[in-house]
Amino acid sequence: MEKIRGDYTMKIIVCGAGEVGKAIIAGLWETNDIVLIDQNPELVENLYSTYDIQAIVGSATSLNILSEADIQKGDVFLAVTNSDEVNIISSIMAKNLGAGYVFGRIRNPEYLEDVNFMHEAIGITQIVNPELDAAHVIKEIIRFPEATDIETFSGGDNQIVGLRVDKDGLL
């Protein structure tokens, strides 16, 4: 099957075959070229047999494994293993080896004390912290309980809040 997104197929390298990696692959495999890297052969085999992807058993911190994944041709590199350290190291390596956008899941708040350092010095394009993201969503739901959607932009300075308006409402 030829995978096309518009006129362009993205090469996405996913490091981590856990629940997050599995969800990413399930949502993106049909229109992109996916390469999965994980050390667990059973998880890798399960995803490889389910989806039309390339799969590599090995560590995302291995230069040989990243080279086998053609990291320099990667449009997007996603480090979503269960180890912050593996995610950070593999992200640094991916950026330095030529990957385009680099996303890293980092859960330890100590590593997030200076997010700008992570972006600038290390080269991680986007840092994802599931716990902080969940806390933010819960906070916004409490602030705007009637909202159907809340979008934050301009570095958090502005928000657009979606509301359902009744046909006979005041608006």
N, C-alpha and C. Protein backbone atom coordinates (compact mmCIF):
# COMPACT_ATOMS: atom_id res chain seq x y z
N MET A 1 0.85 -1.18 0.00
CA MET A 1 0.00 0.00 0.00
C MET A 1 0.89 1.24 0.00
N GLU A 2 0.63 2.17 -0.88
CA GLU A 2 1.37 3.42 -0.93
C GLU A 2 0.78 4.38 0.09
N LYS A 3 1.65 4.98 0.89
CA LYS A 3 1.18 5.86 1.96
C LYS A 3 1.45 7.30 1.59
N ILE A 4 0.42 8.06 1.44
CA ILE A 4 0.56 9.45 1.01
C ILE A 4 -0.22 10.35 1.95
N ARG A 5 0.39 11.42 2.39
CA ARG A 5 -0.27 12.47 3.16
C ARG A 5 -0.18 13.71 2.30
N GLY A 6 -1.26 14.04 1.61
CA GLY A 6 -1.18 15.10 0.62
C GLY A 6 -0.28 14.60 -0.49
N ASP A 7 0.78 15.33 -0.77
CA ASP A 7 1.75 14.89 -1.77
C ASP A 7 3.00 14.32 -1.12
N TYR A 8 2.96 14.11 0.19
CA TYR A 8 4.18 13.80 0.90
C TYR A 8 3.95 12.72 1.95
N THR A 9 4.80 11.73 1.96
CA THR A 9 4.77 10.69 2.99
C THR A 9 5.83 11.03 4.03
N MET A 10 5.43 11.10 5.28
CA MET A 10 6.39 11.39 6.34
C MET A 10 7.02 10.10 6.84
N LYS A 11 8.29 10.17 7.16
CA LYS A 11 8.97 9.07 7.83
C LYS A 11 9.00 9.41 9.31
N ILE A 12 8.33 8.57 10.09
CA ILE A 12 8.20 8.80 11.53
C ILE A 12 8.86 7.65 12.27
N ILE A 13 9.81 7.97 13.13
CA ILE A 13 10.50 6.96 13.92
C ILE A 13 9.95 7.03 15.33
N VAL A 14 9.39 5.92 15.78
CA VAL A 14 8.77 5.83 17.11
C VAL A 14 9.64 4.93 17.97
N CYS A 15 10.18 5.49 19.05
CA CYS A 15 10.97 4.72 20.00
C CYS A 15 10.12 4.44 21.22
N GLY A 16 9.74 3.19 21.38
CA GLY A 16 8.89 2.78 22.49
C GLY A 16 7.64 2.10 21.99
N ALA A 17 7.48 0.83 22.35
CA ALA A 17 6.34 0.03 21.89
C ALA A 17 5.30 -0.17 22.99
N GLY A 18 5.32 0.71 23.99
CA GLY A 18 4.31 0.64 25.04
C GLY A 18 2.99 1.21 24.56
N GLU A 19 2.13 1.56 25.50
CA GLU A 19 0.80 2.05 25.15
C GLU A 19 0.85 3.33 24.32
N VAL A 20 1.76 4.24 24.66
CA VAL A 20 1.85 5.50 23.91
C VAL A 20 2.34 5.24 22.49
N GLY A 21 3.42 4.48 22.36
CA GLY A 21 3.93 4.15 21.03
C GLY A 21 2.91 3.41 20.20
N LYS A 22 2.22 2.48 20.82
CA LYS A 22 1.18 1.71 20.12
C LYS A 22 0.07 2.63 19.61
N ALA A 23 -0.37 3.57 20.44
CA ALA A 23 -1.44 4.50 20.04
C ALA A 23 -0.97 5.40 18.90
N ILE A 24 0.27 5.85 18.96
CA ILE A 24 0.81 6.70 17.89
C ILE A 24 0.85 5.92 16.57
N ILE A 25 1.36 4.71 16.63
CA ILE A 25 1.45 3.89 15.42
C ILE A 25 0.06 3.62 14.86
N ALA A 26 -0.88 3.26 15.73
CA ALA A 26 -2.25 2.96 15.29
C ALA A 26 -2.88 4.15 14.57
N GLY A 27 -2.55 5.36 15.01
CA GLY A 27 -3.13 6.55 14.41
C GLY A 27 -2.43 7.06 13.17
N LEU A 28 -1.19 6.63 12.94
CA LEU A 28 -0.39 7.23 11.86
C LEU A 28 0.09 6.27 10.79
N TRP A 29 0.00 4.98 11.00
CA TRP A 29 0.65 4.03 10.08
C TRP A 29 0.07 4.03 8.68
N GLU A 30 -1.20 4.32 8.52
CA GLU A 30 -1.82 4.20 7.20
C GLU A 30 -1.35 5.26 6.21
N THR A 31 -0.94 6.42 6.71
CA THR A 31 -0.56 7.51 5.81
C THR A 31 0.90 7.92 5.93
N ASN A 32 1.68 7.16 6.68
CA ASN A 32 3.09 7.51 6.89
C ASN A 32 3.94 6.24 6.91
N ASP A 33 5.23 6.42 6.69
CA ASP A 33 6.18 5.32 6.86
C ASP A 33 6.66 5.35 8.30
N ILE A 34 6.36 4.30 9.03
CA ILE A 34 6.69 4.23 10.45
C ILE A 34 7.82 3.24 10.66
N VAL A 35 8.78 3.64 11.49
CA VAL A 35 9.83 2.74 11.96
C VAL A 35 9.70 2.69 13.48
N LEU A 36 9.55 1.49 14.01
CA LEU A 36 9.44 1.28 15.46
C LEU A 36 10.75 0.75 15.98
N ILE A 37 11.21 1.30 17.11
CA ILE A 37 12.39 0.79 17.80
C ILE A 37 11.99 0.49 19.24
N ASP A 38 12.28 -0.73 19.70
CA ASP A 38 12.04 -1.08 21.10
C ASP A 38 12.90 -2.30 21.43
N GLN A 39 13.24 -2.43 22.71
CA GLN A 39 14.08 -3.55 23.14
C GLN A 39 13.29 -4.82 23.41
N ASN A 40 11.97 -4.72 23.50
CA ASN A 40 11.15 -5.88 23.83
C ASN A 40 10.70 -6.58 22.55
N PRO A 41 11.26 -7.76 22.26
CA PRO A 41 10.93 -8.42 21.00
C PRO A 41 9.46 -8.80 20.85
N GLU A 42 8.80 -9.14 21.96
CA GLU A 42 7.38 -9.51 21.89
C GLU A 42 6.52 -8.31 21.49
N LEU A 43 6.77 -7.15 22.11
CA LEU A 43 6.01 -5.95 21.76
C LEU A 43 6.26 -5.54 20.32
N VAL A 44 7.51 -5.61 19.90
CA VAL A 44 7.87 -5.24 18.53
C VAL A 44 7.17 -6.17 17.55
N GLU A 45 7.22 -7.47 17.80
CA GLU A 45 6.59 -8.45 16.91
C GLU A 45 5.08 -8.24 16.84
N ASN A 46 4.46 -7.93 17.97
CA ASN A 46 3.02 -7.70 18.01
C ASN A 46 2.63 -6.52 17.12
N LEU A 47 3.34 -5.41 17.24
CA LEU A 47 3.01 -4.24 16.42
C LEU A 47 3.39 -4.45 14.96
N TYR A 48 4.49 -5.14 14.72
CA TYR A 48 4.93 -5.42 13.35
C TYR A 48 3.91 -6.29 12.62
N SER A 49 3.34 -7.26 13.33
CA SER A 49 2.38 -8.16 12.69
C SER A 49 1.00 -7.52 12.55
N THR A 50 0.74 -6.45 13.30
CA THR A 50 -0.56 -5.78 13.25
C THR A 50 -0.59 -4.66 12.22
N TYR A 51 0.51 -3.94 12.08
CA TYR A 51 0.55 -2.75 11.22
C TYR A 51 1.63 -2.91 10.15
N ASP A 52 1.48 -2.18 9.07
CA ASP A 52 2.46 -2.18 7.98
C ASP A 52 3.56 -1.18 8.33
N ILE A 53 4.50 -1.64 9.17
CA ILE A 53 5.59 -0.79 9.64
C ILE A 53 6.90 -1.55 9.55
N GLN A 54 8.00 -0.79 9.64
CA GLN A 54 9.31 -1.40 9.83
C GLN A 54 9.53 -1.48 11.32
N ALA A 55 10.11 -2.57 11.80
CA ALA A 55 10.31 -2.73 13.24
C ALA A 55 11.72 -3.21 13.52
N ILE A 56 12.34 -2.61 14.53
CA ILE A 56 13.71 -2.94 14.90
C ILE A 56 13.75 -3.24 16.39
N VAL A 57 14.30 -4.40 16.75
CA VAL A 57 14.50 -4.73 18.16
C VAL A 57 15.87 -4.21 18.55
N GLY A 58 15.91 -3.32 19.53
CA GLY A 58 17.17 -2.76 20.00
C GLY A 58 16.94 -1.49 20.78
N SER A 59 18.02 -0.91 21.24
CA SER A 59 17.96 0.31 22.05
C SER A 59 17.98 1.55 21.18
N ALA A 60 17.11 2.49 21.51
CA ALA A 60 17.06 3.76 20.78
C ALA A 60 18.28 4.62 21.07
N THR A 61 19.12 4.20 22.02
CA THR A 61 20.35 4.94 22.31
C THR A 61 21.55 4.35 21.57
N SER A 62 21.32 3.37 20.73
CA SER A 62 22.39 2.74 19.96
C SER A 62 22.54 3.44 18.62
N LEU A 63 23.75 3.87 18.33
CA LEU A 63 24.03 4.51 17.05
C LEU A 63 23.73 3.56 15.89
N ASN A 64 24.07 2.28 16.06
CA ASN A 64 23.80 1.30 15.01
C ASN A 64 22.31 1.14 14.75
N ILE A 65 21.52 1.11 15.82
CA ILE A 65 20.06 0.96 15.68
C ILE A 65 19.47 2.19 15.00
N LEU A 66 19.90 3.38 15.43
CA LEU A 66 19.39 4.61 14.81
C LEU A 66 19.80 4.69 13.34
N SER A 67 21.00 4.23 13.02
CA SER A 67 21.44 4.20 11.62
C SER A 67 20.61 3.22 10.81
N GLU A 68 20.30 2.06 11.40
CA GLU A 68 19.45 1.07 10.72
C GLU A 68 18.06 1.65 10.43
N ALA A 69 17.60 2.54 11.31
CA ALA A 69 16.29 3.18 11.13
C ALA A 69 16.35 4.34 10.13
N ASP A 70 17.53 4.61 9.56
CA ASP A 70 17.72 5.75 8.65
C ASP A 70 17.29 7.05 9.31
N ILE A 71 17.81 7.28 10.50
CA ILE A 71 17.42 8.44 11.31
C ILE A 71 17.60 9.74 10.55
N GLN A 72 18.61 9.83 9.71
CA GLN A 72 18.87 11.07 8.97
C GLN A 72 17.76 11.39 7.98
N LYS A 73 16.95 10.41 7.63
CA LYS A 73 15.82 10.63 6.73
C LYS A 73 14.51 10.81 7.48
N GLY A 74 14.58 10.78 8.80
CA GLY A 74 13.36 10.89 9.60
C GLY A 74 12.81 12.31 9.63
N ASP A 75 11.55 12.44 9.29
CA ASP A 75 10.88 13.74 9.40
C ASP A 75 10.51 14.03 10.85
N VAL A 76 10.12 12.98 11.57
CA VAL A 76 9.70 13.11 12.96
C VAL A 76 10.31 11.96 13.75
N PHE A 77 10.85 12.29 14.92
CA PHE A 77 11.41 11.30 15.84
C PHE A 77 10.65 11.43 17.15
N LEU A 78 10.04 10.34 17.60
CA LEU A 78 9.24 10.35 18.82
C LEU A 78 9.87 9.41 19.84
N ALA A 79 10.37 9.96 20.93
CA ALA A 79 10.96 9.16 22.00
C ALA A 79 9.93 9.02 23.11
N VAL A 80 9.26 7.86 23.14
CA VAL A 80 8.17 7.66 24.09
C VAL A 80 8.35 6.35 24.87
N THR A 81 9.60 6.02 25.18
CA THR A 81 9.84 4.84 26.01
C THR A 81 9.44 5.16 27.45
N ASN A 82 9.54 4.17 28.32
CA ASN A 82 9.22 4.39 29.73
C ASN A 82 10.39 4.98 30.51
N SER A 83 11.49 5.27 29.84
CA SER A 83 12.68 5.81 30.50
C SER A 83 12.96 7.23 30.03
N ASP A 84 12.91 8.19 30.96
CA ASP A 84 13.25 9.57 30.61
C ASP A 84 14.66 9.66 30.04
N GLU A 85 15.58 8.93 30.65
CA GLU A 85 16.97 9.00 30.23
C GLU A 85 17.14 8.49 28.80
N VAL A 86 16.50 7.37 28.48
CA VAL A 86 16.55 6.86 27.10
C VAL A 86 15.93 7.87 26.15
N ASN A 87 14.82 8.46 26.55
CA ASN A 87 14.15 9.44 25.69
C ASN A 87 15.03 10.66 25.45
N ILE A 88 15.70 11.14 26.49
CA ILE A 88 16.57 12.31 26.34
C ILE A 88 17.78 11.98 25.48
N ILE A 89 18.46 10.88 25.79
CA ILE A 89 19.67 10.53 25.04
C ILE A 89 19.34 10.24 23.58
N SER A 90 18.28 9.47 23.34
CA SER A 90 17.93 9.16 21.95
C SER A 90 17.50 10.41 21.19
N SER A 91 16.85 11.34 21.88
CA SER A 91 16.45 12.60 21.24
C SER A 91 17.67 13.43 20.84
N ILE A 92 18.64 13.50 21.73
CA ILE A 92 19.89 14.22 21.42
C ILE A 92 20.56 13.59 20.21
N MET A 93 20.66 12.27 20.23
CA MET A 93 21.29 11.57 19.11
C MET A 93 20.52 11.79 17.81
N ALA A 94 19.20 11.68 17.89
CA ALA A 94 18.37 11.84 16.68
C ALA A 94 18.55 13.22 16.07
N LYS A 95 18.53 14.24 16.91
CA LYS A 95 18.68 15.61 16.41
C LYS A 95 20.05 15.80 15.76
N ASN A 96 21.08 15.30 16.43
CA ASN A 96 22.44 15.44 15.91
C ASN A 96 22.69 14.60 14.66
N LEU A 97 21.91 13.56 14.46
CA LEU A 97 22.06 12.71 13.28
C LEU A 97 21.18 13.16 12.12
N GLY A 98 20.39 14.22 12.33
CA GLY A 98 19.66 14.80 11.21
C GLY A 98 18.16 14.61 11.19
N ALA A 99 17.58 14.07 12.25
CA ALA A 99 16.11 13.94 12.29
C ALA A 99 15.49 15.33 12.28
N GLY A 100 14.30 15.43 11.70
CA GLY A 100 13.60 16.72 11.62
C GLY A 100 13.08 17.15 12.98
N TYR A 101 11.81 16.94 13.22
CA TYR A 101 11.20 17.30 14.50
C TYR A 101 11.46 16.19 15.50
N VAL A 102 11.82 16.57 16.72
CA VAL A 102 12.13 15.61 17.77
C VAL A 102 11.20 15.85 18.95
N PHE A 103 10.43 14.82 19.29
CA PHE A 103 9.50 14.89 20.42
C PHE A 103 9.96 13.90 21.48
N GLY A 104 10.02 14.37 22.72
CA GLY A 104 10.43 13.49 23.80
C GLY A 104 9.45 13.50 24.96
N ARG A 105 9.08 12.31 25.42
CA ARG A 105 8.25 12.21 26.62
C ARG A 105 9.19 12.20 27.82
N ILE A 106 9.02 13.21 28.67
CA ILE A 106 9.85 13.34 29.87
C ILE A 106 8.92 13.53 31.05
N ARG A 107 8.97 12.60 32.00
CA ARG A 107 8.03 12.61 33.12
C ARG A 107 8.63 13.24 34.38
N ASN A 108 9.91 13.15 34.56
CA ASN A 108 10.54 13.63 35.79
C ASN A 108 10.56 15.16 35.80
N PRO A 109 9.88 15.78 36.78
CA PRO A 109 9.83 17.25 36.83
C PRO A 109 11.20 17.91 36.97
N GLU A 110 12.16 17.20 37.57
CA GLU A 110 13.51 17.77 37.70
C GLU A 110 14.14 18.03 36.34
N TYR A 111 13.83 17.20 35.36
CA TYR A 111 14.38 17.38 34.03
C TYR A 111 13.71 18.53 33.29
N LEU A 112 12.59 18.98 33.81
CA LEU A 112 11.82 20.02 33.14
C LEU A 112 11.97 21.39 33.79
N GLU A 113 12.92 21.52 34.72
CA GLU A 113 13.10 22.80 35.41
C GLU A 113 13.45 23.92 34.44
N ASP A 114 14.18 23.60 33.39
CA ASP A 114 14.51 24.60 32.38
C ASP A 114 14.18 24.04 31.00
N VAL A 115 12.93 24.21 30.60
CA VAL A 115 12.45 23.67 29.33
C VAL A 115 13.19 24.31 28.16
N ASN A 116 13.53 25.60 28.28
CA ASN A 116 14.25 26.27 27.20
C ASN A 116 15.58 25.59 26.92
N PHE A 117 16.26 25.14 27.98
CA PHE A 117 17.52 24.42 27.80
C PHE A 117 17.29 23.15 26.99
N MET A 118 16.22 22.43 27.32
CA MET A 118 15.91 21.20 26.60
C MET A 118 15.66 21.49 25.12
N HIS A 119 14.97 22.58 24.85
CA HIS A 119 14.67 22.93 23.46
C HIS A 119 15.93 23.39 22.72
N GLU A 120 16.66 24.31 23.32
CA GLU A 120 17.77 24.95 22.63
C GLU A 120 19.05 24.11 22.63
N ALA A 121 19.51 23.71 23.79
CA ALA A 121 20.80 23.02 23.88
C ALA A 121 20.70 21.57 23.45
N ILE A 122 19.62 20.92 23.81
CA ILE A 122 19.49 19.50 23.51
C ILE A 122 18.84 19.27 22.15
N GLY A 123 17.95 20.16 21.74
CA GLY A 123 17.35 20.04 20.42
C GLY A 123 16.01 19.33 20.38
N ILE A 124 15.39 19.14 21.55
CA ILE A 124 14.07 18.52 21.56
C ILE A 124 13.06 19.58 21.13
N THR A 125 12.35 19.31 20.04
CA THR A 125 11.38 20.26 19.49
C THR A 125 10.20 20.44 20.43
N GLN A 126 9.68 19.34 20.92
CA GLN A 126 8.50 19.39 21.80
C GLN A 126 8.69 18.38 22.92
N ILE A 127 8.48 18.84 24.15
CA ILE A 127 8.55 17.97 25.32
C ILE A 127 7.14 17.67 25.77
N VAL A 128 6.87 16.40 26.02
CA VAL A 128 5.55 15.98 26.48
C VAL A 128 5.70 15.39 27.87
N ASN A 129 4.92 15.92 28.81
CA ASN A 129 4.86 15.37 30.16
C ASN A 129 3.41 15.03 30.45
N PRO A 130 3.05 13.74 30.41
CA PRO A 130 1.64 13.36 30.54
C PRO A 130 0.98 13.84 31.82
N GLU A 131 1.71 13.80 32.93
CA GLU A 131 1.12 14.22 34.20
C GLU A 131 0.82 15.71 34.20
N LEU A 132 1.77 16.52 33.74
CA LEU A 132 1.53 17.97 33.69
C LEU A 132 0.45 18.32 32.67
N ASP A 133 0.43 17.60 31.55
CA ASP A 133 -0.62 17.84 30.55
C ASP A 133 -2.00 17.52 31.12
N ALA A 134 -2.10 16.40 31.84
CA ALA A 134 -3.39 16.04 32.46
C ALA A 134 -3.80 17.07 33.50
N ALA A 135 -2.85 17.54 34.30
CA ALA A 135 -3.16 18.56 35.31
C ALA A 135 -3.65 19.84 34.64
N HIS A 136 -3.04 20.20 33.53
CA HIS A 136 -3.45 21.41 32.80
C HIS A 136 -4.87 21.26 32.27
N VAL A 137 -5.19 20.12 31.70
CA VAL A 137 -6.54 19.89 31.18
C VAL A 137 -7.56 19.95 32.30
N ILE A 138 -7.27 19.32 33.42
CA ILE A 138 -8.20 19.34 34.56
C ILE A 138 -8.40 20.77 35.06
N LYS A 139 -7.31 21.54 35.15
CA LYS A 139 -7.40 22.94 35.58
C LYS A 139 -8.30 23.74 34.65
N GLU A 140 -8.15 23.53 33.34
CA GLU A 140 -8.96 24.27 32.38
C GLU A 140 -10.43 23.86 32.45
N ILE A 141 -10.69 22.60 32.69
CA ILE A 141 -12.07 22.14 32.84
C ILE A 141 -12.72 22.79 34.05
N ILE A 142 -11.96 22.92 35.12
CA ILE A 142 -12.49 23.57 36.33
C ILE A 142 -12.71 25.06 36.08
N ARG A 143 -11.80 25.71 35.37
CA ARG A 143 -11.95 27.15 35.07
C ARG A 143 -13.12 27.42 34.14
N PHE A 144 -13.35 26.54 33.17
CA PHE A 144 -14.40 26.73 32.17
C PHE A 144 -15.26 25.46 32.09
N PRO A 145 -16.07 25.19 33.10
CA PRO A 145 -16.81 23.92 33.12
C PRO A 145 -17.81 23.76 31.98
N GLU A 146 -18.27 24.84 31.39
CA GLU A 146 -19.25 24.75 30.30
C GLU A 146 -18.59 24.67 28.93
N ALA A 147 -17.28 24.76 28.87
CA ALA A 147 -16.57 24.78 27.59
C ALA A 147 -16.64 23.43 26.89
N THR A 148 -16.80 23.48 25.57
CA THR A 148 -16.73 22.27 24.76
C THR A 148 -15.32 22.07 24.21
N ASP A 149 -14.55 23.15 24.18
CA ASP A 149 -13.18 23.09 23.68
C ASP A 149 -12.42 24.29 24.21
N ILE A 150 -11.15 24.09 24.53
CA ILE A 150 -10.29 25.18 25.00
C ILE A 150 -8.96 25.05 24.26
N GLU A 151 -8.58 26.09 23.56
CA GLU A 151 -7.30 26.12 22.85
C GLU A 151 -6.45 27.24 23.41
N THR A 152 -5.23 26.91 23.79
CA THR A 152 -4.29 27.88 24.32
C THR A 152 -3.21 28.13 23.27
N PHE A 153 -2.84 29.39 23.09
CA PHE A 153 -1.80 29.73 22.13
C PHE A 153 -1.02 30.94 22.62
N SER A 154 -0.05 31.39 21.84
CA SER A 154 0.83 32.51 22.19
C SER A 154 1.55 32.25 23.50
N GLY A 155 2.08 31.04 23.62
CA GLY A 155 2.83 30.71 24.83
C GLY A 155 1.98 30.69 26.08
N GLY A 156 0.70 30.46 25.94
CA GLY A 156 -0.20 30.40 27.09
C GLY A 156 -0.84 31.72 27.44
N ASP A 157 -0.53 32.77 26.67
CA ASP A 157 -1.07 34.10 26.97
C ASP A 157 -2.51 34.27 26.52
N ASN A 158 -2.95 33.49 25.54
CA ASN A 158 -4.30 33.65 24.99
C ASN A 158 -5.01 32.31 24.91
N GLN A 159 -6.33 32.38 25.02
CA GLN A 159 -7.14 31.18 24.91
C GLN A 159 -8.39 31.47 24.10
N ILE A 160 -8.82 30.47 23.36
CA ILE A 160 -10.12 30.50 22.71
C ILE A 160 -10.95 29.41 23.39
N VAL A 161 -12.13 29.78 23.83
CA VAL A 161 -13.00 28.85 24.53
C VAL A 161 -14.23 28.60 23.68
N GLY A 162 -14.50 27.34 23.38
CA GLY A 162 -15.69 26.97 22.63
C GLY A 162 -16.84 26.68 23.58
N LEU A 163 -17.99 27.22 23.27
CA LEU A 163 -19.19 27.02 24.09
C LEU A 163 -20.35 26.61 23.20
N ARG A 164 -21.23 25.80 23.73
CA ARG A 164 -22.46 25.45 23.03
C ARG A 164 -23.50 26.50 23.39
N VAL A 165 -24.11 27.08 22.37
CA VAL A 165 -25.11 28.12 22.57
C VAL A 165 -26.47 27.56 22.16
N ASP A 166 -27.44 27.68 23.03
CA ASP A 166 -28.79 27.23 22.72
C ASP A 166 -29.41 28.12 21.65
N LYS A 167 -30.27 27.51 20.86
CA LYS A 167 -30.95 28.22 19.78
C LYS A 167 -31.68 29.46 20.30
N ASP A 168 -32.30 29.35 21.42
CA ASP A 168 -33.05 30.47 21.99
C ASP A 168 -32.27 31.18 23.10
N GLY A 169 -30.95 30.99 23.12
CA GLY A 169 -30.13 31.59 24.16
C GLY A 169 -29.97 33.09 23.99
N LEU A 170 -29.28 33.71 24.94
CA LEU A 170 -29.11 35.16 24.94
C LEU A 170 -28.21 35.66 23.82
N LEU A 171 -27.33 34.83 23.31
CA LEU A 171 -26.46 35.27 22.22
C LEU A 171 -27.22 35.22 20.93
